[in-house]
């Protein structure tokens, strides 16, 4: 009998960048195929084909003026680990969208038998983050990498937004939750979110490290997110309790 195990397929999924971060050369057809194989093995959401992914990119980039820069708004790991060529990164805000750990995560910083959560953007509020500028000559190559990174399963909807850089506003792309996607898990209580983030771990590291680095990136840019600060405190407390062998 074949057993579905978390050890079913691991490498080449480990990150090759420093300190466990993803590098640009991690985003290859082979890596995408490895994730797709894992998703199929464990019955997770179906991955987009290369043709579907490129169709999505073409549709979104049709609104981009040729031979001009591309701004990308990051609110999670894109802030501190963009893994694409950027020539400027600035503190930024967008209106009408807010962070939420509402996307089910089964790979990367989690495993099918120890699932976690990933950040997404959902309607409402305001979001602080980092806006990255991609130079005109790199837009084609780097947008291809971005789609290979963010659009594996179609859980996000690439969306043009107005990005407030403080001194000026620019148009840019960010990745908003596709609320019709099977990975969407809305309205989870904060204690459940914190528990999953505190426990989940996979080939790319822990979910709590993802949270901690995101908070640190905001703090480093002079930005705050009360929702993340609350989760940060909850996860820290759970981590201490776990290390001491106690439960809440």
Protein backbone atom coordinates (compact mmCIF):
# COMPACT_ATOMS: atom_id res chain seq x y z
CA UNK A 1 0.00 0.00 0.00
CA UNK A 2 1.30 3.46 -0.88
CA UNK A 3 1.36 5.86 2.04
CA UNK A 4 1.03 9.61 1.57
CA UNK A 5 3.92 10.94 3.60
CA UNK A 6 5.33 14.41 4.11
CA UNK A 7 8.62 12.93 2.93
CA UNK A 8 7.17 12.08 -0.48
CA UNK A 9 9.20 14.73 -2.28
CA UNK A 10 11.46 17.38 -0.82
CA UNK A 11 14.43 18.69 -2.87
CA UNK A 12 14.75 20.58 -5.17
CA UNK A 13 12.46 22.73 -3.02
CA UNK A 14 15.02 24.12 -0.59
CA UNK A 15 15.96 27.78 -1.06
CA UNK A 16 19.43 28.49 -2.43
CA UNK A 17 19.79 32.06 -1.18
CA UNK A 18 21.57 33.23 2.00
CA UNK A 19 19.90 32.62 5.36
CA UNK A 20 17.32 30.32 3.81
CA UNK A 21 15.96 32.96 1.45
CA UNK A 22 14.76 32.31 -2.06
CA UNK A 23 17.03 33.38 -4.89
CA UNK A 24 16.06 34.39 -8.39
CA UNK A 25 17.48 31.18 -9.83
CA UNK A 26 15.19 29.12 -7.57
CA UNK A 27 12.28 29.94 -9.87
CA UNK A 28 12.66 27.44 -12.65
CA UNK A 29 10.28 25.15 -14.55
CA UNK A 30 11.82 22.23 -12.64
CA UNK A 31 10.96 23.78 -9.28
CA UNK A 32 7.43 24.57 -10.39
CA UNK A 33 7.05 20.98 -11.62
CA UNK A 34 8.25 19.67 -8.24
CA UNK A 35 5.64 21.74 -6.39
CA UNK A 36 2.96 20.66 -8.86
CA UNK A 37 3.88 17.03 -8.23
CA UNK A 38 3.58 17.55 -4.47
CA UNK A 39 0.24 19.28 -4.86
CA UNK A 40 -1.10 16.45 -6.99
CA UNK A 41 0.26 13.81 -4.58
CA UNK A 42 -1.48 15.34 -1.58
CA UNK A 43 -4.64 16.45 -3.35
CA UNK A 44 -3.98 20.18 -2.90
CA UNK A 45 -5.30 22.84 -5.27
CA UNK A 46 -4.43 22.23 -8.91
CA UNK A 47 -1.48 24.21 -10.25
CA UNK A 48 -1.75 26.46 -13.27
CA UNK A 49 -0.07 25.24 -16.41
CA UNK A 50 2.71 27.35 -17.90
CA UNK A 51 0.27 28.43 -20.60
CA UNK A 52 -2.33 29.50 -18.02
CA UNK A 53 0.28 31.37 -16.00
CA UNK A 54 1.62 33.20 -19.04
CA UNK A 55 -1.92 34.05 -20.16
CA UNK A 56 -2.54 35.66 -16.75
CA UNK A 57 0.71 37.62 -17.00
CA UNK A 58 -0.06 38.80 -20.52
CA UNK A 59 -3.54 39.98 -19.51
CA UNK A 60 -2.24 41.97 -16.54
CA UNK A 61 0.83 43.36 -18.30
CA UNK A 62 -1.32 44.57 -21.19
CA UNK A 63 -2.02 47.59 -18.96
CA UNK A 64 1.71 48.28 -18.53
CA UNK A 65 3.17 50.99 -20.74
CA UNK A 66 6.00 49.42 -22.76
CA UNK A 67 9.56 50.52 -21.97
CA UNK A 68 8.58 51.96 -18.58
CA UNK A 69 9.33 50.85 -15.03
CA UNK A 70 7.11 48.40 -13.15
CA UNK A 71 6.26 48.92 -9.48
CA UNK A 72 5.36 45.89 -7.36
CA UNK A 73 3.76 46.25 -3.91
CA UNK A 74 5.00 43.66 -1.42
CA UNK A 75 3.28 42.96 1.89
CA UNK A 76 4.79 39.59 2.95
CA UNK A 77 8.00 37.92 1.87
CA UNK A 78 8.10 40.11 -1.24
CA UNK A 79 9.10 42.91 1.14
CA UNK A 80 12.21 41.21 2.51
CA UNK A 81 12.94 38.56 -0.12
CA UNK A 82 11.79 39.83 -3.53
CA UNK A 83 14.12 37.41 -5.40
CA UNK A 84 13.88 39.54 -8.55
CA UNK A 85 16.05 42.36 -9.85
CA UNK A 86 14.83 45.62 -8.28
CA UNK A 87 16.64 48.94 -8.37
CA UNK A 88 14.65 50.78 -5.68
CA UNK A 89 12.58 49.77 -2.65
CA UNK A 90 10.47 52.31 -0.76
CA UNK A 91 8.00 52.31 2.16
CA UNK A 92 4.50 52.47 0.75
CA UNK A 93 0.78 52.20 1.47
CA UNK A 94 -2.24 51.09 -0.50
CA UNK A 95 -5.87 51.80 0.33
CA UNK A 96 -8.85 49.46 0.34
CA UNK A 97 -6.90 46.26 0.96
CA UNK A 98 -5.53 44.74 4.15
CA UNK A 99 -3.40 41.80 5.23
CA UNK A 100 -4.88 38.54 6.37
CA UNK A 101 -3.42 35.10 7.09
CA UNK A 102 -6.26 33.51 5.14
CA UNK A 103 -4.51 31.28 2.61
CA UNK A 104 -3.98 27.63 3.44
CA UNK A 105 -0.33 26.62 3.17
CA UNK A 106 0.78 23.01 2.72
CA UNK A 107 4.27 23.39 1.24
CA UNK A 108 7.27 25.67 1.61
CA UNK A 109 6.86 26.75 5.25
CA UNK A 110 4.38 23.99 6.07
CA UNK A 111 3.62 20.38 5.19
CA UNK A 112 0.36 18.56 4.45
CA UNK A 113 0.38 16.92 7.89
CA UNK A 114 1.31 20.24 9.53
CA UNK A 115 -0.44 22.95 7.47
CA UNK A 116 0.12 26.63 7.98
CA UNK A 117 -1.20 29.92 6.67
CA UNK A 118 0.13 32.48 4.23
CA UNK A 119 -0.54 36.18 3.99
CA UNK A 120 -2.87 37.54 1.37
CA UNK A 121 -4.68 40.80 0.71
CA UNK A 122 -8.42 41.01 1.26
CA UNK A 123 -10.83 43.94 0.86
CA UNK A 124 -10.89 46.60 3.56
CA UNK A 125 -8.67 49.00 5.44
CA UNK A 126 -5.18 50.06 4.46
CA UNK A 127 -1.94 48.16 4.02
CA UNK A 128 1.64 49.27 4.67
CA UNK A 129 4.38 47.55 2.73
CA UNK A 130 7.35 47.95 0.43
CA UNK A 131 7.12 49.05 -3.19
CA UNK A 132 9.84 47.69 -5.45
CA UNK A 133 10.79 49.36 -8.72
CA UNK A 134 11.76 47.12 -11.62
CA UNK A 135 13.68 48.95 -14.33
CA UNK A 136 12.16 49.03 -17.83
CA UNK A 137 14.80 46.74 -19.32
CA UNK A 138 14.04 44.06 -16.70
CA UNK A 139 10.24 44.15 -16.70
CA UNK A 140 9.78 41.22 -19.08
CA UNK A 141 12.20 38.85 -17.35
CA UNK A 142 11.30 39.81 -13.78
CA UNK A 143 7.53 39.77 -14.27
CA UNK A 144 7.95 36.24 -15.62
CA UNK A 145 9.78 35.29 -12.39
CA UNK A 146 7.11 37.02 -10.28
CA UNK A 147 4.34 35.01 -11.91
CA UNK A 148 6.33 31.81 -11.43
CA UNK A 149 6.63 32.72 -7.75
CA UNK A 150 3.17 34.07 -6.95
CA UNK A 151 0.85 32.41 -9.46
CA UNK A 152 1.52 28.70 -9.07
CA UNK A 153 -2.01 27.73 -8.08
CA UNK A 154 -3.97 30.83 -9.07
CA UNK A 155 -4.73 31.59 -5.42
CA UNK A 156 -3.89 35.24 -6.05
CA UNK A 157 -5.42 37.71 -8.46
CA UNK A 158 -2.73 40.06 -9.84
CA UNK A 159 -4.19 43.53 -9.46
CA UNK A 160 -3.20 47.05 -10.47
CA UNK A 161 -3.34 49.43 -7.49
CA UNK A 162 -2.45 53.01 -6.63
CA UNK A 163 0.67 52.95 -4.44
CA UNK A 164 1.31 55.86 -2.07
CA UNK A 165 5.06 56.47 -1.76
CA UNK A 166 4.60 59.51 0.46
CA UNK A 167 6.00 62.14 -1.88
CA UNK A 168 4.15 60.76 -4.90
CA UNK A 169 1.80 58.05 -6.12
CA UNK A 170 2.52 55.39 -8.71
CA UNK A 171 0.54 52.58 -10.32
CA UNK A 172 1.77 49.10 -9.60
CA UNK A 173 0.90 45.44 -9.32
CA UNK A 174 0.15 43.49 -6.17
CA UNK A 175 -1.28 40.05 -5.51
CA UNK A 176 -4.77 39.93 -3.97
CA UNK A 177 -6.52 36.83 -2.63
CA UNK A 178 -8.76 35.04 -5.09
CA UNK A 179 -11.69 34.50 -2.73
CA UNK A 180 -13.11 31.76 -4.97
CA UNK A 181 -9.96 29.67 -4.62
CA UNK A 182 -10.11 26.48 -2.49
CA UNK A 183 -7.07 27.62 -0.48
CA UNK A 184 -8.97 30.64 0.86
CA UNK A 185 -9.81 30.23 4.56
CA UNK A 186 -11.52 33.43 5.70
CA UNK A 187 -12.42 34.60 9.18
CA UNK A 188 -10.21 32.27 11.19
CA UNK A 189 -9.98 33.47 14.81
CA UNK A 190 -6.64 35.05 15.67
CA UNK A 191 -5.80 32.33 18.18
CA UNK A 192 -6.24 29.67 15.49
CA UNK A 193 -4.11 31.68 13.07
CA UNK A 194 -1.40 32.05 15.70
CA UNK A 195 -1.45 28.34 16.54
CA UNK A 196 -1.00 27.30 12.92
CA UNK A 197 1.74 29.86 12.32
CA UNK A 198 3.57 28.81 15.48
CA UNK A 199 3.59 25.12 14.54
CA UNK A 200 3.93 24.92 10.76
CA UNK A 201 7.30 24.08 9.23
CA UNK A 202 8.46 22.91 5.82
CA UNK A 203 11.33 22.82 3.34
CA UNK A 204 11.72 26.62 3.32
CA UNK A 205 11.63 27.01 7.11
CA UNK A 206 8.96 27.85 9.66
CA UNK A 207 5.78 29.86 9.26
CA UNK A 208 6.63 31.82 12.40
CA UNK A 209 9.91 32.95 10.81
CA UNK A 210 7.88 34.24 7.85
CA UNK A 211 5.75 36.26 10.28
CA UNK A 212 8.72 37.52 12.30
CA UNK A 213 10.64 38.61 9.19
CA UNK A 214 7.58 40.39 7.84
CA UNK A 215 7.15 42.34 11.08
CA UNK A 216 10.89 43.13 11.13
CA UNK A 217 10.76 44.40 7.54
CA UNK A 218 7.91 46.75 8.42
CA UNK A 219 9.71 48.00 11.52
CA UNK A 220 12.89 48.53 9.50
CA UNK A 221 10.94 50.73 7.09
CA UNK A 222 9.30 52.68 9.92
CA UNK A 223 5.92 51.02 9.31
CA UNK A 224 3.43 49.20 11.53
CA UNK A 225 0.56 46.77 11.20
CA UNK A 226 -1.47 46.24 14.37
CA UNK A 227 -2.89 42.96 13.11
CA UNK A 228 0.61 41.54 12.56
CA UNK A 229 1.81 42.93 15.90
CA UNK A 230 -1.01 41.06 17.64
CA UNK A 231 -0.17 37.81 15.86
CA UNK A 232 3.52 38.35 16.55
CA UNK A 233 2.85 38.56 20.30
CA UNK A 234 0.58 35.51 20.24
CA UNK A 235 3.06 33.39 18.28
CA UNK A 236 5.95 34.46 20.52
CA UNK A 237 3.96 33.38 23.56
CA UNK A 238 3.09 30.02 22.00
CA UNK A 239 6.72 29.48 21.03
CA UNK A 240 7.87 30.13 24.60
CA UNK A 241 5.20 27.79 25.98
CA UNK A 242 6.26 25.08 23.55
CA UNK A 243 9.93 25.42 24.45
CA UNK A 244 9.03 25.13 28.14
CA UNK A 245 6.83 22.10 27.53
CA UNK A 246 3.69 23.88 28.67
CA UNK A 247 0.35 24.52 26.96
CA UNK A 248 -1.93 27.58 27.15
